[in-house]
Amino acid sequence: MICAFCQQDVNDPCHNIQEMQQRAESHIDRCENAFERQGGGNHPQRAPSTDIQSGGRKN
């Protein structure tokens, strides 16, 4: 099923902006990207400095 927010074919698409935001806060990449496109910006717990310290790798 195509998600209305991230435009990807997923089994369980987001049904509203709040659901997309909750998934983005859980670091689901497709939802984070869609949330940023909606004007949500970056999440404080996902600050660039933490990515730099980890060498740019995602855990």
Protein backbone atom coordinates (compact mmCIF):
# COMPACT_ATOMS: atom_id res chain seq x y z
CA MET A 1 0.00 0.00 0.00
CA ILE A 2 1.38 3.44 -0.91
CA CYS A 3 1.78 5.77 2.08
CA ALA A 4 0.28 9.22 1.49
CA PHE A 5 3.18 10.83 3.38
CA CYS A 6 6.39 9.08 2.32
CA GLN A 7 5.05 7.84 -1.05
CA GLN A 8 6.58 4.39 -0.45
CA ASP A 9 4.94 0.99 -0.78
CA VAL A 10 4.61 -0.20 2.83
CA ASN A 11 2.52 -2.76 4.71
CA ASP A 12 1.28 -0.30 7.34
CA PRO A 13 1.15 3.29 6.03
CA CYS A 14 0.68 6.31 8.28
CA HIS A 15 -2.93 7.46 8.45
CA ASN A 16 -2.37 11.01 9.74
CA ILE A 17 0.35 13.55 10.50
CA GLN A 18 0.45 12.61 14.20
CA GLU A 19 1.14 8.98 13.36
CA MET A 20 3.86 10.02 10.91
CA GLN A 21 5.42 12.25 13.60
CA GLN A 22 5.39 9.43 16.18
CA ARG A 23 7.12 7.10 13.74
CA ALA A 24 9.63 9.82 12.85
CA GLU A 25 10.43 10.20 16.56
CA SER A 26 11.06 6.44 16.63
CA HIS A 27 13.72 7.02 13.94
CA ILE A 28 11.90 5.32 11.09
CA ASP A 29 13.83 6.86 8.19
CA ARG A 30 11.00 7.06 5.67
CA CYS A 31 8.79 8.81 8.22
CA GLU A 32 11.58 11.15 9.33
CA ASN A 33 12.13 12.21 5.73
CA ALA A 34 8.41 12.72 5.12
CA PHE A 35 8.07 14.68 8.36
CA GLU A 36 10.94 16.99 7.37
CA ARG A 37 9.28 17.59 3.98
CA GLN A 38 6.08 18.51 5.84
CA GLY A 39 8.05 21.22 7.67
CA GLY A 40 8.75 19.30 10.87
CA GLY A 41 12.49 19.96 10.84
CA ASN A 42 15.09 17.98 12.73
CA HIS A 43 14.44 16.16 15.97
CA PRO A 44 16.57 17.21 18.93
CA GLN A 45 17.53 13.60 19.71
CA ARG A 46 18.82 13.28 16.12
CA ALA A 47 21.16 16.28 16.18
CA PRO A 48 23.94 16.28 13.54
CA SER A 49 26.62 16.32 16.25
CA THR A 50 25.66 12.78 17.33
CA ASP A 51 25.96 11.56 13.74
CA ILE A 52 29.42 13.14 13.44
CA GLN A 53 30.60 11.60 16.72
CA SER A 54 29.52 8.15 15.58
CA GLY A 55 31.48 8.56 12.36
CA GLY A 56 28.31 9.02 10.34
CA ARG A 57 27.20 5.43 10.89
CA LYS A 58 23.67 4.59 11.93
CA ASN A 59 23.29 2.02 14.67
